[in-house]
Amino acid sequence: MRQWISILLILLSLGLAACAPEPAVETPVGEAPAEAPAEQPEKTEVKLITPEDAKARMDAGEEIILIDVRTKEEYDQERIPGAILLPVDQVQKNAAEVMPDLDATYFVYCRSGNRSSIATALLASMGYKNIYDLGGIIDWPYETVSLGD
């Protein structure tokens, strides 16, 4: 029994030691620390935008780039005029080519809002600064075009 208590006390003290904070390393005055902490990139917040607000901003002449993250077949069938196709499964691979300006304003949409949510989160993590999730084309009450138009 004493052996078990001793083992338990050893394990408990090891567990407490593992949870203790690491001691601070002091840098002598006038010297730079050996390793400076890496700067964290500024996290971009994805903003939601309603079709009404998006249309008003587009009609006001703002420089907005529409990104459709559906499949080519869906895009050909119906899209918002002026939209650029960038399927959600190609965002990481092709965003820099399709969307070269990290500071431009992008409105991203899909069919129902699921893929646009994924795509906007990816784009924000890639450093795009003005990303708006427009949701789905099914909620877009304004003009659309198709390949045949």
N, C-alpha and C. Protein backbone atom coordinates (compact mmCIF):
# COMPACT_ATOMS: atom_id res chain seq x y z
N MET A 1 0.82 -1.19 0.00
CA MET A 1 0.00 0.00 0.00
C MET A 1 0.87 1.26 0.00
N ARG A 2 1.93 1.26 0.83
CA ARG A 2 2.82 2.41 0.88
C ARG A 2 3.46 2.65 -0.48
N GLN A 3 3.74 1.56 -1.19
CA GLN A 3 4.36 1.68 -2.51
C GLN A 3 3.41 2.43 -3.47
N TRP A 4 2.14 2.12 -3.41
CA TRP A 4 1.16 2.78 -4.26
C TRP A 4 1.03 4.26 -3.91
N ILE A 5 1.06 4.56 -2.65
CA ILE A 5 0.97 5.96 -2.22
C ILE A 5 2.20 6.72 -2.70
N SER A 6 3.37 6.10 -2.60
CA SER A 6 4.60 6.74 -3.07
C SER A 6 4.54 6.99 -4.57
N ILE A 7 4.07 6.02 -5.32
CA ILE A 7 3.96 6.16 -6.78
C ILE A 7 2.97 7.27 -7.11
N LEU A 8 1.86 7.31 -6.40
CA LEU A 8 0.85 8.34 -6.63
C LEU A 8 1.41 9.73 -6.33
N LEU A 9 2.17 9.86 -5.23
CA LEU A 9 2.76 11.15 -4.90
C LEU A 9 3.79 11.57 -5.94
N ILE A 10 4.58 10.64 -6.46
CA ILE A 10 5.56 10.96 -7.49
C ILE A 10 4.85 11.43 -8.75
N LEU A 11 3.82 10.70 -9.17
CA LEU A 11 3.08 11.09 -10.37
C LEU A 11 2.40 12.44 -10.19
N LEU A 12 1.87 12.67 -9.01
CA LEU A 12 1.21 13.95 -8.74
C LEU A 12 2.22 15.10 -8.80
N SER A 13 3.39 14.91 -8.22
CA SER A 13 4.40 15.98 -8.27
C SER A 13 4.92 16.21 -9.68
N LEU A 14 5.05 15.14 -10.47
CA LEU A 14 5.46 15.30 -11.87
C LEU A 14 4.40 16.06 -12.66
N GLY A 15 3.15 15.76 -12.41
CA GLY A 15 2.05 16.45 -13.09
C GLY A 15 2.02 17.92 -12.75
N LEU A 16 2.25 18.24 -11.48
CA LEU A 16 2.27 19.64 -11.08
C LEU A 16 3.47 20.37 -11.68
N ALA A 17 4.59 19.71 -11.74
CA ALA A 17 5.78 20.33 -12.33
C ALA A 17 5.57 20.59 -13.81
N ALA A 18 4.86 19.70 -14.49
CA ALA A 18 4.62 19.87 -15.92
C ALA A 18 3.68 21.04 -16.19
N CYS A 19 2.83 21.35 -15.21
CA CYS A 19 1.88 22.45 -15.39
C CYS A 19 2.45 23.79 -14.96
N ALA A 20 3.59 23.79 -14.31
CA ALA A 20 4.17 25.04 -13.83
C ALA A 20 4.62 25.89 -15.01
N PRO A 21 4.48 27.21 -14.89
CA PRO A 21 4.89 28.07 -16.00
C PRO A 21 6.41 28.03 -16.16
N GLU A 22 6.86 28.21 -17.40
CA GLU A 22 8.29 28.24 -17.66
C GLU A 22 8.87 29.50 -17.07
N PRO A 23 10.08 29.40 -16.49
CA PRO A 23 10.69 30.61 -15.94
C PRO A 23 11.00 31.60 -17.05
N ALA A 24 10.88 32.88 -16.72
CA ALA A 24 11.17 33.92 -17.70
C ALA A 24 12.68 33.99 -17.93
N VAL A 25 13.04 34.19 -19.18
CA VAL A 25 14.45 34.34 -19.52
C VAL A 25 14.71 35.83 -19.62
N GLU A 26 15.62 36.30 -18.78
CA GLU A 26 15.92 37.72 -18.79
C GLU A 26 17.01 38.02 -19.80
N THR A 27 16.84 39.10 -20.52
CA THR A 27 17.82 39.55 -21.50
C THR A 27 18.60 40.70 -20.88
N PRO A 28 19.93 40.63 -20.91
CA PRO A 28 20.71 41.74 -20.35
C PRO A 28 20.35 43.04 -21.06
N VAL A 29 20.45 44.14 -20.32
CA VAL A 29 20.12 45.46 -20.85
C VAL A 29 21.00 45.74 -22.07
N GLY A 30 20.37 46.24 -23.14
CA GLY A 30 21.11 46.60 -24.35
C GLY A 30 21.26 45.46 -25.33
N GLU A 31 20.82 44.26 -24.97
CA GLU A 31 20.91 43.13 -25.90
C GLU A 31 19.51 42.74 -26.35
N ALA A 32 19.42 42.31 -27.60
CA ALA A 32 18.14 41.85 -28.14
C ALA A 32 17.91 40.41 -27.69
N PRO A 33 16.67 40.02 -27.50
CA PRO A 33 16.42 38.63 -27.16
C PRO A 33 16.92 37.71 -28.27
N ALA A 34 17.29 36.50 -27.89
CA ALA A 34 17.83 35.54 -28.86
C ALA A 34 16.83 35.30 -29.98
N GLU A 35 15.57 35.12 -29.64
CA GLU A 35 14.55 34.88 -30.66
C GLU A 35 13.38 35.82 -30.40
N ALA A 36 13.14 36.72 -31.33
CA ALA A 36 11.99 37.62 -31.21
C ALA A 36 10.74 36.83 -31.59
N PRO A 37 9.65 37.03 -30.87
CA PRO A 37 8.43 36.32 -31.23
C PRO A 37 7.96 36.73 -32.62
N ALA A 38 7.48 35.76 -33.37
CA ALA A 38 6.98 36.06 -34.72
C ALA A 38 5.73 36.91 -34.62
N GLU A 39 5.63 37.90 -35.50
CA GLU A 39 4.44 38.75 -35.51
C GLU A 39 3.28 37.97 -36.09
N GLN A 40 2.15 38.08 -35.43
CA GLN A 40 0.95 37.42 -35.91
C GLN A 40 0.31 38.29 -36.99
N PRO A 41 -0.08 37.70 -38.14
CA PRO A 41 -0.74 38.51 -39.15
C PRO A 41 -2.08 39.01 -38.63
N GLU A 42 -2.44 40.20 -39.08
CA GLU A 42 -3.70 40.78 -38.66
C GLU A 42 -4.84 39.92 -39.19
N LYS A 43 -5.74 39.53 -38.31
CA LYS A 43 -6.85 38.67 -38.70
C LYS A 43 -7.93 39.52 -39.34
N THR A 44 -8.30 39.16 -40.55
CA THR A 44 -9.35 39.86 -41.27
C THR A 44 -10.70 39.28 -40.85
N GLU A 45 -11.62 40.16 -40.59
CA GLU A 45 -12.96 39.73 -40.23
C GLU A 45 -13.82 39.68 -41.49
N VAL A 46 -14.50 38.57 -41.67
CA VAL A 46 -15.44 38.44 -42.78
C VAL A 46 -16.72 39.15 -42.39
N LYS A 47 -17.21 39.98 -43.28
CA LYS A 47 -18.44 40.71 -43.02
C LYS A 47 -19.58 40.12 -43.85
N LEU A 48 -20.75 40.12 -43.29
CA LEU A 48 -21.93 39.68 -44.02
C LEU A 48 -22.55 40.90 -44.69
N ILE A 49 -23.12 40.69 -45.87
CA ILE A 49 -23.80 41.78 -46.55
C ILE A 49 -25.09 41.24 -47.16
N THR A 50 -26.15 42.01 -47.04
CA THR A 50 -27.44 41.60 -47.61
C THR A 50 -27.45 41.91 -49.10
N PRO A 51 -28.31 41.22 -49.85
CA PRO A 51 -28.45 41.55 -51.27
C PRO A 51 -28.81 43.01 -51.49
N GLU A 52 -29.65 43.56 -50.63
CA GLU A 52 -30.08 44.95 -50.78
C GLU A 52 -28.90 45.91 -50.61
N ASP A 53 -28.09 45.69 -49.57
CA ASP A 53 -26.93 46.55 -49.33
C ASP A 53 -25.88 46.38 -50.44
N ALA A 54 -25.70 45.14 -50.88
CA ALA A 54 -24.74 44.87 -51.95
C ALA A 54 -25.16 45.59 -53.23
N LYS A 55 -26.43 45.47 -53.59
CA LYS A 55 -26.93 46.10 -54.81
C LYS A 55 -26.81 47.62 -54.71
N ALA A 56 -27.12 48.19 -53.55
CA ALA A 56 -27.03 49.64 -53.37
C ALA A 56 -25.58 50.11 -53.55
N ARG A 57 -24.64 49.38 -52.99
CA ARG A 57 -23.23 49.76 -53.13
C ARG A 57 -22.75 49.60 -54.57
N MET A 58 -23.20 48.55 -55.23
CA MET A 58 -22.81 48.35 -56.64
C MET A 58 -23.42 49.45 -57.51
N ASP A 59 -24.69 49.79 -57.28
CA ASP A 59 -25.36 50.82 -58.05
C ASP A 59 -24.75 52.21 -57.80
N ALA A 60 -24.15 52.39 -56.62
CA ALA A 60 -23.52 53.68 -56.28
C ALA A 60 -22.16 53.84 -56.96
N GLY A 61 -21.74 52.81 -57.66
CA GLY A 61 -20.48 52.90 -58.41
C GLY A 61 -19.24 52.50 -57.63
N GLU A 62 -19.42 51.91 -56.45
CA GLU A 62 -18.26 51.43 -55.70
C GLU A 62 -17.54 50.34 -56.51
N GLU A 63 -16.24 50.27 -56.32
CA GLU A 63 -15.47 49.24 -57.00
C GLU A 63 -15.61 47.94 -56.22
N ILE A 64 -16.53 47.13 -56.67
CA ILE A 64 -16.84 45.85 -56.04
C ILE A 64 -16.50 44.74 -57.04
N ILE A 65 -15.87 43.69 -56.57
CA ILE A 65 -15.60 42.53 -57.42
C ILE A 65 -16.45 41.39 -56.88
N LEU A 66 -17.34 40.88 -57.73
CA LEU A 66 -18.21 39.76 -57.35
C LEU A 66 -17.49 38.45 -57.64
N ILE A 67 -17.48 37.56 -56.67
CA ILE A 67 -16.84 36.25 -56.82
C ILE A 67 -17.90 35.19 -56.60
N ASP A 68 -18.10 34.34 -57.61
CA ASP A 68 -19.04 33.23 -57.56
C ASP A 68 -18.24 31.97 -57.26
N VAL A 69 -18.51 31.31 -56.14
CA VAL A 69 -17.72 30.14 -55.74
C VAL A 69 -18.44 28.81 -55.99
N ARG A 70 -19.41 28.83 -56.90
CA ARG A 70 -20.11 27.60 -57.27
C ARG A 70 -19.33 26.87 -58.36
N THR A 71 -19.90 25.83 -58.89
CA THR A 71 -19.28 25.08 -59.98
C THR A 71 -19.46 25.84 -61.30
N LYS A 72 -18.69 25.47 -62.29
CA LYS A 72 -18.81 26.09 -63.61
C LYS A 72 -20.21 25.88 -64.19
N GLU A 73 -20.76 24.71 -64.00
CA GLU A 73 -22.10 24.41 -64.51
C GLU A 73 -23.14 25.33 -63.87
N GLU A 74 -23.06 25.54 -62.57
CA GLU A 74 -24.00 26.44 -61.89
C GLU A 74 -23.81 27.88 -62.37
N TYR A 75 -22.56 28.28 -62.51
CA TYR A 75 -22.22 29.63 -62.98
C TYR A 75 -22.77 29.87 -64.38
N ASP A 76 -22.59 28.88 -65.27
CA ASP A 76 -23.10 29.01 -66.64
C ASP A 76 -24.63 29.08 -66.67
N GLN A 77 -25.27 28.40 -65.75
CA GLN A 77 -26.73 28.36 -65.73
C GLN A 77 -27.32 29.70 -65.30
N GLU A 78 -26.75 30.31 -64.26
CA GLU A 78 -27.26 31.60 -63.76
C GLU A 78 -26.22 32.22 -62.84
N ARG A 79 -25.99 33.52 -63.02
CA ARG A 79 -25.03 34.24 -62.17
C ARG A 79 -25.42 35.71 -62.09
N ILE A 80 -24.83 36.40 -61.14
CA ILE A 80 -25.02 37.83 -61.02
C ILE A 80 -24.14 38.49 -62.09
N PRO A 81 -24.66 39.48 -62.83
CA PRO A 81 -23.87 40.10 -63.89
C PRO A 81 -22.51 40.60 -63.37
N GLY A 82 -21.47 40.29 -64.13
CA GLY A 82 -20.13 40.74 -63.79
C GLY A 82 -19.37 39.84 -62.84
N ALA A 83 -20.00 38.78 -62.36
CA ALA A 83 -19.34 37.90 -61.40
C ALA A 83 -18.23 37.10 -62.05
N ILE A 84 -17.19 36.85 -61.27
CA ILE A 84 -16.04 36.05 -61.70
C ILE A 84 -16.15 34.70 -61.03
N LEU A 85 -15.92 33.65 -61.80
CA LEU A 85 -16.01 32.29 -61.27
C LEU A 85 -14.70 31.90 -60.57
N LEU A 86 -14.82 31.43 -59.34
CA LEU A 86 -13.70 30.84 -58.58
C LEU A 86 -14.32 29.77 -57.68
N PRO A 87 -14.47 28.54 -58.21
CA PRO A 87 -15.09 27.48 -57.40
C PRO A 87 -14.42 27.32 -56.04
N VAL A 88 -15.23 27.07 -55.03
CA VAL A 88 -14.72 26.99 -53.66
C VAL A 88 -13.57 26.01 -53.52
N ASP A 89 -13.58 24.92 -54.28
CA ASP A 89 -12.49 23.94 -54.16
C ASP A 89 -11.21 24.40 -54.84
N GLN A 90 -11.24 25.56 -55.48
CA GLN A 90 -10.04 26.11 -56.13
C GLN A 90 -9.57 27.41 -55.49
N VAL A 91 -10.21 27.82 -54.40
CA VAL A 91 -9.88 29.10 -53.78
C VAL A 91 -8.42 29.15 -53.36
N GLN A 92 -7.95 28.18 -52.61
CA GLN A 92 -6.57 28.23 -52.13
C GLN A 92 -5.57 28.18 -53.29
N LYS A 93 -5.88 27.44 -54.31
CA LYS A 93 -4.96 27.26 -55.43
C LYS A 93 -4.95 28.46 -56.38
N ASN A 94 -6.11 29.06 -56.65
CA ASN A 94 -6.23 30.06 -57.71
C ASN A 94 -6.61 31.47 -57.28
N ALA A 95 -6.81 31.71 -55.99
CA ALA A 95 -7.26 33.04 -55.56
C ALA A 95 -6.28 34.13 -55.96
N ALA A 96 -4.99 33.89 -55.80
CA ALA A 96 -4.00 34.92 -56.11
C ALA A 96 -4.07 35.33 -57.58
N GLU A 97 -4.39 34.40 -58.44
CA GLU A 97 -4.49 34.70 -59.88
C GLU A 97 -5.79 35.42 -60.20
N VAL A 98 -6.89 34.95 -59.63
CA VAL A 98 -8.21 35.51 -59.92
C VAL A 98 -8.45 36.81 -59.15
N MET A 99 -7.87 36.89 -57.95
CA MET A 99 -8.08 38.02 -57.05
C MET A 99 -6.73 38.57 -56.60
N PRO A 100 -6.00 39.23 -57.49
CA PRO A 100 -4.63 39.64 -57.15
C PRO A 100 -4.51 40.75 -56.11
N ASP A 101 -5.55 41.55 -55.94
CA ASP A 101 -5.48 42.70 -55.03
C ASP A 101 -6.06 42.33 -53.66
N LEU A 102 -5.19 42.20 -52.66
CA LEU A 102 -5.63 41.83 -51.31
C LEU A 102 -6.48 42.92 -50.66
N ASP A 103 -6.38 44.15 -51.15
CA ASP A 103 -7.10 45.27 -50.55
C ASP A 103 -8.41 45.61 -51.26
N ALA A 104 -8.69 44.98 -52.38
CA ALA A 104 -9.93 45.26 -53.11
C ALA A 104 -11.12 44.77 -52.30
N THR A 105 -12.31 45.23 -52.67
CA THR A 105 -13.54 44.80 -52.00
C THR A 105 -14.17 43.69 -52.82
N TYR A 106 -14.39 42.55 -52.16
CA TYR A 106 -14.95 41.37 -52.82
C TYR A 106 -16.26 40.97 -52.14
N PHE A 107 -17.29 40.75 -52.97
CA PHE A 107 -18.54 40.18 -52.50
C PHE A 107 -18.55 38.74 -53.02
N VAL A 108 -18.66 37.78 -52.12
CA VAL A 108 -18.58 36.36 -52.47
C VAL A 108 -19.94 35.72 -52.28
N TYR A 109 -20.36 34.96 -53.29
CA TYR A 109 -21.64 34.26 -53.17
C TYR A 109 -21.57 32.87 -53.75
N CYS A 110 -22.57 32.06 -53.40
CA CYS A 110 -22.71 30.70 -53.94
C CYS A 110 -24.19 30.48 -54.23
N ARG A 111 -24.68 29.28 -53.99
CA ARG A 111 -26.09 29.02 -54.24
C ARG A 111 -26.94 29.38 -53.01
N SER A 112 -26.53 28.84 -51.83
CA SER A 112 -27.35 29.05 -50.64
C SER A 112 -26.63 29.73 -49.49
N GLY A 113 -25.32 29.89 -49.58
CA GLY A 113 -24.57 30.54 -48.51
C GLY A 113 -23.55 29.66 -47.82
N ASN A 114 -23.61 28.35 -48.02
CA ASN A 114 -22.66 27.45 -47.36
C ASN A 114 -21.25 27.61 -47.93
N ARG A 115 -21.14 27.49 -49.23
CA ARG A 115 -19.81 27.58 -49.86
C ARG A 115 -19.23 28.98 -49.75
N SER A 116 -20.07 30.00 -49.80
CA SER A 116 -19.54 31.37 -49.66
C SER A 116 -18.97 31.58 -48.26
N SER A 117 -19.56 30.96 -47.27
CA SER A 117 -19.05 31.05 -45.90
C SER A 117 -17.67 30.40 -45.80
N ILE A 118 -17.51 29.25 -46.40
CA ILE A 118 -16.21 28.56 -46.41
C ILE A 118 -15.18 29.38 -47.17
N ALA A 119 -15.57 29.85 -48.35
CA ALA A 119 -14.64 30.61 -49.20
C ALA A 119 -14.19 31.91 -48.54
N THR A 120 -15.12 32.64 -47.92
CA THR A 120 -14.74 33.91 -47.31
C THR A 120 -13.80 33.69 -46.13
N ALA A 121 -14.01 32.64 -45.36
CA ALA A 121 -13.11 32.33 -44.25
C ALA A 121 -11.71 32.00 -44.78
N LEU A 122 -11.65 31.23 -45.86
CA LEU A 122 -10.35 30.91 -46.48
C LEU A 122 -9.66 32.17 -46.97
N LEU A 123 -10.40 33.00 -47.68
CA LEU A 123 -9.82 34.23 -48.23
C LEU A 123 -9.32 35.15 -47.12
N ALA A 124 -10.06 35.25 -46.05
CA ALA A 124 -9.62 36.08 -44.92
C ALA A 124 -8.32 35.53 -44.34
N SER A 125 -8.23 34.21 -44.24
CA SER A 125 -7.00 33.61 -43.70
C SER A 125 -5.82 33.78 -44.64
N MET A 126 -6.10 34.04 -45.91
CA MET A 126 -5.05 34.25 -46.91
C MET A 126 -4.63 35.72 -47.00
N GLY A 127 -5.24 36.59 -46.22
CA GLY A 127 -4.81 37.98 -46.18
C GLY A 127 -5.69 38.96 -46.92
N TYR A 128 -6.81 38.52 -47.49
CA TYR A 128 -7.73 39.45 -48.15
C TYR A 128 -8.41 40.28 -47.07
N LYS A 129 -8.47 41.58 -47.27
CA LYS A 129 -8.89 42.47 -46.19
C LYS A 129 -10.34 42.93 -46.25
N ASN A 130 -10.95 42.95 -47.41
CA ASN A 130 -12.32 43.46 -47.56
C ASN A 130 -13.20 42.39 -48.18
N ILE A 131 -13.49 41.38 -47.39
CA ILE A 131 -14.26 40.23 -47.85
C ILE A 131 -15.67 40.31 -47.26
N TYR A 132 -16.65 40.21 -48.13
CA TYR A 132 -18.05 40.22 -47.72
C TYR A 132 -18.72 38.94 -48.18
N ASP A 133 -19.42 38.29 -47.28
CA ASP A 133 -20.18 37.09 -47.62
C ASP A 133 -21.59 37.53 -48.01
N LEU A 134 -21.88 37.41 -49.30
CA LEU A 134 -23.18 37.81 -49.84
C LEU A 134 -24.21 36.70 -49.70
N GLY A 135 -23.76 35.51 -49.33
CA GLY A 135 -24.71 34.41 -49.17
C GLY A 135 -24.99 33.70 -50.48
N GLY A 136 -26.27 33.41 -50.73
CA GLY A 136 -26.64 32.62 -51.88
C GLY A 136 -27.40 33.38 -52.95
N ILE A 137 -27.19 32.96 -54.18
CA ILE A 137 -27.89 33.57 -55.32
C ILE A 137 -29.40 33.31 -55.20
N ILE A 138 -29.78 32.28 -54.45
CA ILE A 138 -31.21 32.01 -54.27
C ILE A 138 -31.92 33.16 -53.54
N ASP A 139 -31.13 33.98 -52.83
CA ASP A 139 -31.70 35.13 -52.12
C ASP A 139 -31.50 36.45 -52.87
N TRP A 140 -30.93 36.38 -54.08
CA TRP A 140 -30.65 37.58 -54.87
C TRP A 140 -31.90 37.91 -55.70
N PRO A 141 -32.64 38.98 -55.36
CA PRO A 141 -33.89 39.28 -56.06
C PRO A 141 -33.71 40.13 -57.32
N TYR A 142 -32.47 40.39 -57.69
CA TYR A 142 -32.20 41.31 -58.80
C TYR A 142 -31.81 40.52 -60.05
N GLU A 143 -31.40 41.25 -61.07
CA GLU A 143 -31.07 40.67 -62.36
C GLU A 143 -29.98 39.61 -62.26
N THR A 144 -30.16 38.55 -63.03
CA THR A 144 -29.13 37.53 -63.20
C THR A 144 -28.99 37.28 -64.71
N VAL A 145 -27.88 36.66 -65.07
CA VAL A 145 -27.64 36.30 -66.47
C VAL A 145 -27.23 34.84 -66.54
N SER A 146 -27.33 34.27 -67.75
CA SER A 146 -26.87 32.91 -67.96
C SER A 146 -25.99 32.87 -69.20
N LEU A 147 -25.35 31.75 -69.42
CA LEU A 147 -24.42 31.61 -70.55
C LEU A 147 -25.11 31.93 -71.87
N GLY A 148 -26.39 31.60 -71.99
CA GLY A 148 -27.12 31.83 -73.23
C GLY A 148 -27.49 33.29 -73.46
N ASP A 149 -27.36 34.13 -72.44
CA ASP A 149 -27.76 35.55 -72.57
C ASP A 149 -26.75 36.34 -73.36
